C-alpha atoms as a PDB file:
ATOM      1  CA  UNK A   1     117.184 130.519 141.564  1.00  0.00           C
ATOM      2  CA  UNK A   2     120.401 132.418 140.887  1.00  0.00           C
ATOM      3  CA  UNK A   3     123.564 130.346 140.583  1.00  0.00           C
ATOM      4  CA  UNK A   4     126.575 131.379 142.643  1.00  0.00           C
ATOM      5  CA  UNK A   5     130.172 130.310 142.465  1.00  0.00           C
ATOM      6  CA  UNK A   6     131.882 128.169 145.078  1.00  0.00           C
ATOM      7  CA  UNK A   7     133.922 131.259 146.020  1.00  0.00           C
ATOM      8  CA  UNK A   8     130.647 133.108 146.709  1.00  0.00           C
ATOM      9  CA  UNK A   9     129.493 130.256 148.959  1.00  0.00           C
ATOM     10  CA  UNK A  10     132.788 130.308 150.872  1.00  0.00           C
ATOM     11  CA  UNK A  11     132.175 133.961 151.776  1.00  0.00           C
ATOM     12  CA  UNK A  12     129.296 132.849 154.033  1.00  0.00           C
ATOM     13  CA  UNK A  13     130.807 131.795 157.362  1.00  0.00           C
ATOM     14  CA  UNK A  14     128.489 129.196 158.930  1.00  0.00           C
ATOM     15  CA  UNK A  15     129.593 127.805 162.305  1.00  0.00           C
ATOM     16  CA  UNK A  16     128.310 125.490 164.992  1.00  0.00           C
ATOM     17  CA  UNK A  17     127.458 127.095 168.310  1.00  0.00           C
ATOM     18  CA  UNK A  18     125.807 126.095 171.554  1.00  0.00           C
ATOM     19  CA  UNK A  19     122.937 128.040 173.056  1.00  0.00           C
ATOM     20  CA  UNK A  20     123.988 129.123 176.537  1.00  0.00           C
ATOM     21  CA  UNK A  21     120.901 131.149 177.395  1.00  0.00           C
ATOM     22  CA  UNK A  22     117.456 131.824 175.930  1.00  0.00           C
ATOM     23  CA  UNK A  23     114.784 134.284 177.000  1.00  0.00           C
ATOM     24  CA  UNK A  24     111.352 135.314 175.750  1.00  0.00           C
ATOM     25  CA  UNK A  25     111.449 138.400 173.523  1.00  0.00           C
ATOM     26  CA  UNK A  26     108.030 140.055 174.034  1.00  0.00           C
ATOM     27  CA  UNK A  27     109.216 143.365 172.502  1.00  0.00           C
ATOM     28  CA  UNK A  28     109.672 141.757 169.062  1.00  0.00           C
ATOM     29  CA  UNK A  29     107.062 142.522 166.377  1.00  0.00           C
ATOM     30  CA  UNK A  30     106.734 138.787 165.605  1.00  0.00           C
ATOM     31  CA  UNK A  31     107.005 136.137 168.336  1.00  0.00           C
ATOM     32  CA  UNK A  32     110.698 135.483 168.963  1.00  0.00           C
ATOM     33  CA  UNK A  33     113.248 134.235 171.464  1.00  0.00           C
ATOM     34  CA  UNK A  34     116.491 136.010 172.462  1.00  0.00           C
ATOM     35  CA  UNK A  35     119.451 133.648 172.216  1.00  0.00           C
ATOM     36  CA  UNK A  36     123.037 133.743 173.453  1.00  0.00           C
ATOM     37  CA  UNK A  37     125.175 131.330 171.442  1.00  0.00           C
ATOM     38  CA  UNK A  38     128.745 130.251 172.288  1.00  0.00           C
ATOM     39  CA  UNK A  39     130.951 129.669 169.231  1.00  0.00           C
ATOM     40  CA  UNK A  40     134.065 128.670 171.170  1.00  0.00           C
ATOM     41  CA  UNK A  41     137.248 130.578 171.987  1.00  0.00           C
ATOM     42  CA  UNK A  42     137.818 132.074 168.509  1.00  0.00           C
ATOM     43  CA  UNK A  43     134.441 133.864 168.221  1.00  0.00           C
ATOM     44  CA  UNK A  44     133.059 133.755 171.761  1.00  0.00           C
ATOM     45  CA  UNK A  45     129.424 134.300 172.676  1.00  0.00           C
ATOM     46  CA  UNK A  46     127.087 136.135 170.299  1.00  0.00           C
ATOM     47  CA  UNK A  47     123.483 137.276 170.687  1.00  0.00           C
ATOM     48  CA  UNK A  48     120.629 136.646 168.278  1.00  0.00           C
ATOM     49  CA  UNK A  49     116.870 136.878 167.952  1.00  0.00           C
ATOM     50  CA  UNK A  50     115.050 133.933 166.404  1.00  0.00           C
ATOM     51  CA  UNK A  51     111.403 133.455 165.399  1.00  0.00           C
ATOM     52  CA  UNK A  52     111.296 129.872 166.668  1.00  0.00           C
ATOM     53  CA  UNK A  53     108.486 130.016 169.235  1.00  0.00           C
ATOM     54  CA  UNK A  54     106.290 127.404 167.520  1.00  0.00           C
ATOM     55  CA  UNK A  55     108.634 124.469 168.183  1.00  0.00           C
ATOM     56  CA  UNK A  56     110.943 125.772 170.917  1.00  0.00           C
ATOM     57  CA  UNK A  57     110.586 127.061 174.454  1.00  0.00           C
ATOM     58  CA  UNK A  58     113.297 129.270 176.015  1.00  0.00           C
ATOM     59  CA  UNK A  59     113.493 126.951 179.037  1.00  0.00           C
ATOM     60  CA  UNK A  60     114.575 123.977 176.900  1.00  0.00           C
ATOM     61  CA  UNK A  61     117.087 125.599 174.523  1.00  0.00           C
ATOM     62  CA  UNK A  62     120.183 125.939 176.739  1.00  0.00           C
ATOM     63  CA  UNK A  63     122.753 123.347 175.689  1.00  0.00           C
ATOM     64  CA  UNK A  64     121.333 122.860 172.171  1.00  0.00           C
ATOM     65  CA  UNK A  65     123.856 123.050 169.331  1.00  0.00           C
ATOM     66  CA  UNK A  66     122.820 125.088 166.285  1.00  0.00           C
ATOM     67  CA  UNK A  67     124.222 126.306 162.977  1.00  0.00           C
ATOM     68  CA  UNK A  68     124.503 130.055 162.364  1.00  0.00           C
ATOM     69  CA  UNK A  69     125.906 132.593 159.921  1.00  0.00           C
ATOM     70  CA  UNK A  70     128.508 134.530 161.902  1.00  0.00           C
ATOM     71  CA  UNK A  71     129.749 137.082 159.344  1.00  0.00           C
ATOM     72  CA  UNK A  72     126.643 139.148 158.566  1.00  0.00           C
ATOM     73  CA  UNK A  73     126.755 142.700 159.963  1.00  0.00           C
ATOM     74  CA  UNK A  74     124.951 143.082 163.312  1.00  0.00           C
ATOM     75  CA  UNK A  75     121.284 144.051 162.998  1.00  0.00           C
ATOM     76  CA  UNK A  76     119.192 145.963 165.506  1.00  0.00           C
ATOM     77  CA  UNK A  77     115.949 144.122 166.287  1.00  0.00           C
ATOM     78  CA  UNK A  78     114.059 146.219 168.807  1.00  0.00           C
ATOM     79  CA  UNK A  79     116.263 146.499 171.896  1.00  0.00           C
ATOM     80  CA  UNK A  80     118.427 143.515 170.788  1.00  0.00           C
ATOM     81  CA  UNK A  81     121.545 143.748 168.620  1.00  0.00           C
ATOM     82  CA  UNK A  82     121.429 140.482 166.672  1.00  0.00           C
ATOM     83  CA  UNK A  83     125.022 139.470 165.891  1.00  0.00           C
ATOM     84  CA  UNK A  84     124.442 136.116 164.146  1.00  0.00           C
ATOM     85  CA  UNK A  85     121.727 134.473 162.055  1.00  0.00           C
ATOM     86  CA  UNK A  86     120.688 131.137 163.540  1.00  0.00           C
ATOM     87  CA  UNK A  87     119.647 128.862 160.668  1.00  0.00           C
ATOM     88  CA  UNK A  88     116.498 126.826 160.230  1.00  0.00           C
ATOM     89  CA  UNK A  89     114.219 125.321 157.620  1.00  0.00           C
ATOM     90  CA  UNK A  90     110.417 125.457 157.342  1.00  0.00           C
ATOM     91  CA  UNK A  91     108.231 122.567 158.420  1.00  0.00           C
ATOM     92  CA  UNK A  92     104.969 121.701 156.618  1.00  0.00           C
ATOM     93  CA  UNK A  93     103.281 124.710 158.296  1.00  0.00           C
ATOM     94  CA  UNK A  94     106.146 127.072 157.366  1.00  0.00           C
ATOM     95  CA  UNK A  95     107.366 127.225 160.979  1.00  0.00           C
ATOM     96  CA  UNK A  96     111.112 127.251 161.712  1.00  0.00           C
ATOM     97  CA  UNK A  97     112.930 124.041 162.627  1.00  0.00           C
ATOM     98  CA  UNK A  98     116.526 124.681 163.692  1.00  0.00           C
ATOM     99  CA  UNK A  99     119.452 123.238 161.740  1.00  0.00           C
ATOM    100  CA  UNK A 100     121.566 121.207 164.149  1.00  0.00           C
ATOM    101  CA  UNK A 101     124.599 118.928 163.793  1.00  0.00           C
ATOM    102  CA  UNK A 102     123.647 115.288 164.361  1.00  0.00           C
ATOM    103  CA  UNK A 103     126.927 114.452 166.142  1.00  0.00           C
ATOM    104  CA  UNK A 104     128.864 116.099 168.963  1.00  0.00           C
ATOM    105  CA  UNK A 105     131.212 118.482 167.132  1.00  0.00           C
ATOM    106  CA  UNK A 106     133.529 121.216 168.476  1.00  0.00           C
ATOM    107  CA  UNK A 107     132.087 124.680 168.981  1.00  0.00           C
ATOM    108  CA  UNK A 108     133.075 127.085 166.235  1.00  0.00           C
ATOM    109  CA  UNK A 109     133.452 124.370 163.604  1.00  0.00           C
ATOM    110  CA  UNK A 110     132.889 125.819 160.136  1.00  0.00           C
ATOM    111  CA  UNK A 111     130.455 124.318 157.635  1.00  0.00           C
ATOM    112  CA  UNK A 112     132.089 122.976 154.486  1.00  0.00           C
END
């Protein structure tokens, strides 16, 4: 693992957002879900694609709070322009489990 400085870490802008909408993404090469995530008045709503189909269903994601990197450049994923990277960690089967705040926190709050 490469060490980084605290200043390097602070360059990564990780914020809390709330999923407002989720849809299946059948055009993706790997199974994925299209997400719309609200980061509050400062950043607004951003779109993302997430490979989270093992543990999550689009019908149950609206209202869920998640953590995401908001300052990567947008990336084209098929017909979707992914504007943020929603964060997760692997379970025992290497499937994504979303990182979520365990308390009700304001949208747009920055990780520190």
